[in-house]
């Protein structure tokens, strides 16, 4: 299966890229700000959740080890 790729000149490539960029719908500044704020809020929320979960597991495992060692 021999598929030959057609070579594109650099000038044609740049023209095609510009044509495609004109088709792009760019988000408004407000949309970008809201999306960024949501992402930052979720990062903080999930990091607090995992911190709490890790602390609970750590405490539980330490208690189980203390009970098992007879201290």
PDB file of N, CA and C in Angstrom:
ATOM      1  N   UNK A   1       0.843  -1.170   0.000  1.00  0.00           N
ATOM      2  CA  UNK A   1       0.000   0.000   0.000  1.00  0.00           C
ATOM      3  C   UNK A   1       0.887   1.231   0.000  1.00  0.00           C
ATOM      4  N   UNK A   2       1.043   1.823  -1.144  1.00  0.00           N
ATOM      5  CA  UNK A   2       1.924   2.968  -1.317  1.00  0.00           C
ATOM      6  C   UNK A   2       1.088   4.225  -1.513  1.00  0.00           C
ATOM      7  N   UNK A   3       1.036   5.040  -0.487  1.00  0.00           N
ATOM      8  CA  UNK A   3       0.269   6.285  -0.558  1.00  0.00           C
ATOM      9  C   UNK A   3       1.275   7.431  -0.597  1.00  0.00           C
ATOM     10  N   UNK A   4       1.253   8.166  -1.681  1.00  0.00           N
ATOM     11  CA  UNK A   4       2.174   9.289  -1.796  1.00  0.00           C
ATOM     12  C   UNK A   4       1.465  10.554  -1.328  1.00  0.00           C
ATOM     13  N   UNK A   5       2.168  11.326  -0.530  1.00  0.00           N
ATOM     14  CA  UNK A   5       1.592  12.576  -0.025  1.00  0.00           C
ATOM     15  C   UNK A   5       1.952  13.705  -0.976  1.00  0.00           C
ATOM     16  N   UNK A   6       0.982  14.541  -1.238  1.00  0.00           N
ATOM     17  CA  UNK A   6       1.197  15.673  -2.117  1.00  0.00           C
ATOM     18  C   UNK A   6       1.948  16.760  -1.350  1.00  0.00           C
ATOM     19  N   UNK A   7       3.012  17.265  -1.924  1.00  0.00           N
ATOM     20  CA  UNK A   7       3.810  18.305  -1.272  1.00  0.00           C
ATOM     21  C   UNK A   7       3.093  19.647  -1.384  1.00  0.00           C
ATOM     22  N   UNK A   8       3.100  20.397  -0.282  1.00  0.00           N
ATOM     23  CA  UNK A   8       2.484  21.717  -0.235  1.00  0.00           C
ATOM     24  C   UNK A   8       3.580  22.754  -0.061  1.00  0.00           C
ATOM     25  N   UNK A   9       3.499  23.799  -0.850  1.00  0.00           N
ATOM     26  CA  UNK A   9       4.510  24.848  -0.722  1.00  0.00           C
ATOM     27  C   UNK A   9       4.267  25.630   0.573  1.00  0.00           C
ATOM     28  N   UNK A  10       5.316  26.220   1.137  1.00  0.00           N
ATOM     29  CA  UNK A  10       5.133  26.989   2.380  1.00  0.00           C
ATOM     30  C   UNK A  10       4.142  28.144   2.232  1.00  0.00           C
ATOM     31  N   UNK A  11       4.146  28.808   1.075  1.00  0.00           N
ATOM     32  CA  UNK A  11       3.220  29.932   0.867  1.00  0.00           C
ATOM     33  C   UNK A  11       1.777  29.437   0.855  1.00  0.00           C
ATOM     34  N   UNK A  12       1.528  28.306   0.190  1.00  0.00           N
ATOM     35  CA  UNK A  12       0.177  27.742   0.159  1.00  0.00           C
ATOM     36  C   UNK A  12      -0.255  27.302   1.551  1.00  0.00           C
ATOM     37  N   UNK A  13       0.666  26.717   2.302  1.00  0.00           N
ATOM     38  CA  UNK A  13       0.366  26.296   3.665  1.00  0.00           C
ATOM     39  C   UNK A  13      -0.051  27.491   4.525  1.00  0.00           C
ATOM     40  N   UNK A  14       0.691  28.594   4.439  1.00  0.00           N
ATOM     41  CA  UNK A  14       0.366  29.792   5.228  1.00  0.00           C
ATOM     42  C   UNK A  14      -0.999  30.328   4.826  1.00  0.00           C
ATOM     43  N   UNK A  15      -1.307  30.339   3.529  1.00  0.00           N
ATOM     44  CA  UNK A  15      -2.629  30.813   3.079  1.00  0.00           C
ATOM     45  C   UNK A  15      -3.742  29.930   3.629  1.00  0.00           C
ATOM     46  N   UNK A  16      -3.522  28.626   3.616  1.00  0.00           N
ATOM     47  CA  UNK A  16      -4.539  27.712   4.130  1.00  0.00           C
ATOM     48  C   UNK A  16      -4.739  27.885   5.630  1.00  0.00           C
ATOM     49  N   UNK A  17      -3.660  28.109   6.349  1.00  0.00           N
ATOM     50  CA  UNK A  17      -3.770  28.334   7.796  1.00  0.00           C
ATOM     51  C   UNK A  17      -4.553  29.606   8.073  1.00  0.00           C
ATOM     52  N   UNK A  18      -4.269  30.655   7.343  1.00  0.00           N
ATOM     53  CA  UNK A  18      -5.010  31.912   7.532  1.00  0.00           C
ATOM     54  C   UNK A  18      -6.491  31.728   7.236  1.00  0.00           C
ATOM     55  N   UNK A  19      -6.820  30.985   6.175  1.00  0.00           N
ATOM     56  CA  UNK A  19      -8.221  30.737   5.839  1.00  0.00           C
ATOM     57  C   UNK A  19      -8.915  29.972   6.965  1.00  0.00           C
ATOM     58  N   UNK A  20      -8.239  28.993   7.520  1.00  0.00           N
ATOM     59  CA  UNK A  20      -8.840  28.223   8.608  1.00  0.00           C
ATOM     60  C   UNK A  20      -9.000  29.064   9.875  1.00  0.00           C
ATOM     61  N   UNK A  21      -8.037  29.933  10.163  1.00  0.00           N
ATOM     62  CA  UNK A  21      -8.139  30.791  11.347  1.00  0.00           C
ATOM     63  C   UNK A  21      -9.294  31.769  11.251  1.00  0.00           C
ATOM     64  N   UNK A  22      -9.656  32.166  10.036  1.00  0.00           N
ATOM     65  CA  UNK A  22     -10.809  33.056   9.874  1.00  0.00           C
ATOM     66  C   UNK A  22     -12.119  32.351  10.225  1.00  0.00           C
ATOM     67  N   UNK A  23     -12.137  31.030  10.171  1.00  0.00           N
ATOM     68  CA  UNK A  23     -13.342  30.263  10.490  1.00  0.00           C
ATOM     69  C   UNK A  23     -13.515  30.036  11.987  1.00  0.00           C
ATOM     70  N   UNK A  24     -12.473  30.287  12.757  1.00  0.00           N
ATOM     71  CA  UNK A  24     -12.501  30.022  14.196  1.00  0.00           C
ATOM     72  C   UNK A  24     -13.361  31.058  14.908  1.00  0.00           C
ATOM     73  N   UNK A  25     -14.195  30.583  15.826  1.00  0.00           N
ATOM     74  CA  UNK A  25     -14.979  31.477  16.671  1.00  0.00           C
ATOM     75  C   UNK A  25     -14.246  31.598  18.002  1.00  0.00           C
ATOM     76  N   UNK A  26     -13.663  32.743  18.256  1.00  0.00           N
ATOM     77  CA  UNK A  26     -12.872  32.949  19.460  1.00  0.00           C
ATOM     78  C   UNK A  26     -13.787  33.351  20.612  1.00  0.00           C
ATOM     79  N   UNK A  27     -13.518  32.875  21.822  1.00  0.00           N
ATOM     80  CA  UNK A  27     -14.361  33.233  22.973  1.00  0.00           C
ATOM     81  C   UNK A  27     -14.165  34.694  23.368  1.00  0.00           C
ATOM     82  N   UNK A  28     -15.209  35.248  23.952  1.00  0.00           N
ATOM     83  CA  UNK A  28     -15.131  36.621  24.448  1.00  0.00           C
ATOM     84  C   UNK A  28     -14.299  36.648  25.728  1.00  0.00           C
ATOM     85  N   UNK A  29     -13.833  37.824  26.108  1.00  0.00           N
ATOM     86  CA  UNK A  29     -13.024  37.968  27.315  1.00  0.00           C
ATOM     87  C   UNK A  29     -13.793  37.498  28.548  1.00  0.00           C
ATOM     88  N   UNK A  30     -15.077  37.803  28.609  1.00  0.00           N
ATOM     89  CA  UNK A  30     -15.909  37.412  29.758  1.00  0.00           C
ATOM     90  C   UNK A  30     -16.005  35.889  29.872  1.00  0.00           C
ATOM     91  N   UNK A  31     -16.201  35.208  28.735  1.00  0.00           N
ATOM     92  CA  UNK A  31     -16.288  33.745  28.739  1.00  0.00           C
ATOM     93  C   UNK A  31     -14.982  33.117  29.216  1.00  0.00           C
ATOM     94  N   UNK A  32     -13.871  33.663  28.756  1.00  0.00           N
ATOM     95  CA  UNK A  32     -12.566  33.151  29.164  1.00  0.00           C
ATOM     96  C   UNK A  32     -12.361  33.349  30.661  1.00  0.00           C
ATOM     97  N   UNK A  33     -12.752  34.510  31.179  1.00  0.00           N
ATOM     98  CA  UNK A  33     -12.608  34.798  32.607  1.00  0.00           C
ATOM     99  C   UNK A  33     -13.459  33.845  33.444  1.00  0.00           C
ATOM    100  N   UNK A  34     -14.704  33.630  33.033  1.00  0.00           N
ATOM    101  CA  UNK A  34     -15.599  32.748  33.784  1.00  0.00           C
ATOM    102  C   UNK A  34     -15.077  31.312  33.772  1.00  0.00           C
ATOM    103  N   UNK A  35     -14.642  30.842  32.612  1.00  0.00           N
ATOM    104  CA  UNK A  35     -14.105  29.483  32.518  1.00  0.00           C
ATOM    105  C   UNK A  35     -12.865  29.325  33.391  1.00  0.00           C
ATOM    106  N   UNK A  36     -11.996  30.314  33.375  1.00  0.00           N
ATOM    107  CA  UNK A  36     -10.785  30.254  34.199  1.00  0.00           C
ATOM    108  C   UNK A  36     -11.132  30.249  35.683  1.00  0.00           C
ATOM    109  N   UNK A  37     -12.098  31.059  36.085  1.00  0.00           N
ATOM    110  CA  UNK A  37     -12.513  31.110  37.487  1.00  0.00           C
ATOM    111  C   UNK A  37     -13.096  29.771  37.933  1.00  0.00           C
ATOM    112  N   UNK A  38     -13.880  29.140  37.066  1.00  0.00           N
ATOM    113  CA  UNK A  38     -14.453  27.834  37.402  1.00  0.00           C
ATOM    114  C   UNK A  38     -13.353  26.798  37.566  1.00  0.00           C
ATOM    115  N   UNK A  39     -12.380  26.806  36.667  1.00  0.00           N
ATOM    116  CA  UNK A  39     -11.283  25.842  36.751  1.00  0.00           C
ATOM    117  C   UNK A  39     -10.489  26.041  38.038  1.00  0.00           C
ATOM    118  N   UNK A  40     -10.185  27.281  38.381  1.00  0.00           N
ATOM    119  CA  UNK A  40      -9.423  27.559  39.606  1.00  0.00           C
ATOM    120  C   UNK A  40     -10.221  27.140  40.839  1.00  0.00           C
ATOM    121  N   UNK A  41     -11.516  27.426  40.845  1.00  0.00           N
ATOM    122  CA  UNK A  41     -12.360  27.038  41.983  1.00  0.00           C
ATOM    123  C   UNK A  41     -12.413  25.516  42.133  1.00  0.00           C
ATOM    124  N   UNK A  42     -12.526  24.803  41.017  1.00  0.00           N
ATOM    125  CA  UNK A  42     -12.567  23.345  41.089  1.00  0.00           C
ATOM    126  C   UNK A  42     -11.232  22.764  41.534  1.00  0.00           C
ATOM    127  N   UNK A  43     -10.141  23.370  41.121  1.00  0.00           N
ATOM    128  CA  UNK A  43      -8.822  22.908  41.576  1.00  0.00           C
ATOM    129  C   UNK A  43      -8.713  23.044  43.092  1.00  0.00           C
ATOM    130  N   UNK A  44      -9.151  24.172  43.616  1.00  0.00           N
ATOM    131  CA  UNK A  44      -9.108  24.390  45.066  1.00  0.00           C
ATOM    132  C   UNK A  44     -10.024  23.400  45.778  1.00  0.00           C
ATOM    133  N   UNK A  45     -11.231  23.207  45.259  1.00  0.00           N
ATOM    134  CA  UNK A  45     -12.195  22.291  45.862  1.00  0.00           C
ATOM    135  C   UNK A  45     -11.660  20.857  45.890  1.00  0.00           C
ATOM    136  N   UNK A  46     -11.141  20.388  44.770  1.00  0.00           N
ATOM    137  CA  UNK A  46     -10.627  19.027  44.714  1.00  0.00           C
ATOM    138  C   UNK A  46      -9.376  18.850  45.567  1.00  0.00           C
ATOM    139  N   UNK A  47      -8.531  19.865  45.616  1.00  0.00           N
ATOM    140  CA  UNK A  47      -7.330  19.736  46.453  1.00  0.00           C
ATOM    141  C   UNK A  47      -7.720  19.654  47.932  1.00  0.00           C
ATOM    142  N   UNK A  48      -8.718  20.405  48.356  1.00  0.00           N
ATOM    143  CA  UNK A  48      -9.188  20.309  49.736  1.00  0.00           C
ATOM    144  C   UNK A  48      -9.819  18.943  50.011  1.00  0.00           C
ATOM    145  N   UNK A  49     -10.578  18.432  49.053  1.00  0.00           N
ATOM    146  CA  UNK A  49     -11.181  17.109  49.196  1.00  0.00           C
ATOM    147  C   UNK A  49     -10.107  16.043  49.367  1.00  0.00           C
ATOM    148  N   UNK A  50      -9.086  16.065  48.509  1.00  0.00           N
ATOM    149  CA  UNK A  50      -8.038  15.056  48.596  1.00  0.00           C
ATOM    150  C   UNK A  50      -7.183  15.226  49.845  1.00  0.00           C
ATOM    151  N   UNK A  51      -6.994  16.450  50.295  1.00  0.00           N
ATOM    152  CA  UNK A  51      -6.276  16.683  51.546  1.00  0.00           C
ATOM    153  C   UNK A  51      -7.046  16.050  52.713  1.00  0.00           C
ATOM    154  N   UNK A  52      -8.336  16.317  52.774  1.00  0.00           N
ATOM    155  CA  UNK A  52      -9.167  15.763  53.834  1.00  0.00           C
ATOM    156  C   UNK A  52      -9.199  14.239  53.777  1.00  0.00           C
ATOM    157  N   UNK A  53      -9.368  13.694  52.586  1.00  0.00           N
ATOM    158  CA  UNK A  53      -9.384  12.241  52.424  1.00  0.00           C
ATOM    159  C   UNK A  53      -8.061  11.631  52.864  1.00  0.00           C
ATOM    160  N   UNK A  54      -6.952  12.244  52.481  1.00  0.00           N
ATOM    161  CA  UNK A  54      -5.631  11.743  52.859  1.00  0.00           C
ATOM    162  C   UNK A  54      -5.435  11.794  54.372  1.00  0.00           C
ATOM    163  N   UNK A  55      -5.886  12.851  55.008  1.00  0.00           N
ATOM    164  CA  UNK A  55      -5.745  12.968  56.456  1.00  0.00           C
ATOM    165  C   UNK A  55      -6.572  11.904  57.180  1.00  0.00           C
ATOM    166  N   UNK A  56      -7.773  11.652  56.689  1.00  0.00           N
ATOM    167  CA  UNK A  56      -8.634  10.632  57.305  1.00  0.00           C
ATOM    168  C   UNK A  56      -7.995   9.257  57.171  1.00  0.00           C
ATOM    169  N   UNK A  57      -7.514   8.912  55.972  1.00  0.00           N
ATOM    170  CA  UNK A  57      -6.859   7.615  55.772  1.00  0.00           C
ATOM    171  C   UNK A  57      -5.604   7.497  56.629  1.00  0.00           C
ATOM    172  N   UNK A  58      -4.821   8.553  56.691  1.00  0.00           N
ATOM    173  CA  UNK A  58      -3.595   8.524  57.482  1.00  0.00           C
ATOM    174  C   UNK A  58      -3.905   8.284  58.955  1.00  0.00           C
ATOM    175  N   UNK A  59      -4.882   8.999  59.481  1.00  0.00           N
ATOM    176  CA  UNK A  59      -5.294   8.827  60.877  1.00  0.00           C
ATOM    177  C   UNK A  59      -5.794   7.411  61.123  1.00  0.00           C
ATOM    178  N   UNK A  60      -6.627   6.909  60.206  1.00  0.00           N
ATOM    179  CA  UNK A  60      -7.195   5.568  60.362  1.00  0.00           C
ATOM    180  C   UNK A  60      -6.110   4.499  60.358  1.00  0.00           C
ATOM    181  N   UNK A  61      -5.180   4.589  59.434  1.00  0.00           N
ATOM    182  CA  UNK A  61      -4.120   3.584  59.341  1.00  0.00           C
ATOM    183  C   UNK A  61      -3.217   3.632  60.571  1.00  0.00           C
ATOM    184  N   UNK A  62      -2.923   4.833  61.064  1.00  0.00           N
ATOM    185  CA  UNK A  62      -2.099   4.937  62.280  1.00  0.00           C
ATOM    186  C   UNK A  62      -2.806   4.286  63.466  1.00  0.00           C
ATOM    187  N   UNK A  63      -4.107   4.493  63.579  1.00  0.00           N
ATOM    188  CA  UNK A  63      -4.867   3.879  64.688  1.00  0.00           C
ATOM    189  C   UNK A  63      -4.874   2.355  64.562  1.00  0.00           C
ATOM    190  N   UNK A  64      -5.039   1.842  63.357  1.00  0.00           N
ATOM    191  CA  UNK A  64      -5.040   0.392  63.149  1.00  0.00           C
ATOM    192  C   UNK A  64      -3.678  -0.193  63.506  1.00  0.00           C
ATOM    193  N   UNK A  65      -2.601   0.492  63.128  1.00  0.00           N
ATOM    194  CA  UNK A  65      -1.255   0.014  63.458  1.00  0.00           C
ATOM    195  C   UNK A  65      -1.033   0.049  64.972  1.00  0.00           C
ATOM    196  N   UNK A  66      -1.523   1.099  65.636  1.00  0.00           N
ATOM    197  CA  UNK A  66      -1.386   1.183  67.105  1.00  0.00           C
ATOM    198  C   UNK A  66      -2.148   0.045  67.779  1.00  0.00           C
ATOM    199  N   UNK A  67      -3.342  -0.248  67.298  1.00  0.00           N
ATOM    200  CA  UNK A  67      -4.123  -1.350  67.887  1.00  0.00           C
ATOM    201  C   UNK A  67      -3.420  -2.684  67.657  1.00  0.00           C
ATOM    202  N   UNK A  68      -2.877  -2.862  66.446  1.00  0.00           N
ATOM    203  CA  UNK A  68      -2.205  -4.121  66.106  1.00  0.00           C
ATOM    204  C   UNK A  68      -0.904  -4.312  66.866  1.00  0.00           C
ATOM    205  N   UNK A  69      -0.211  -3.229  67.189  1.00  0.00           N
ATOM    206  CA  UNK A  69       1.064  -3.371  67.905  1.00  0.00           C
ATOM    207  C   UNK A  69       0.844  -3.461  69.413  1.00  0.00           C
ATOM    208  N   UNK A  70      -0.337  -3.196  69.894  1.00  0.00           N
ATOM    209  CA  UNK A  70      -0.664  -3.323  71.297  1.00  0.00           C
ATOM    210  C   UNK A  70      -0.200  -2.154  72.142  1.00  0.00           C
ATOM    211  N   UNK A  71       0.002  -1.003  71.534  1.00  0.00           N
ATOM    212  CA  UNK A  71       0.446   0.158  72.312  1.00  0.00           C
ATOM    213  C   UNK A  71      -0.703   0.894  72.935  1.00  0.00           C
TER     214      UNK A  71
END
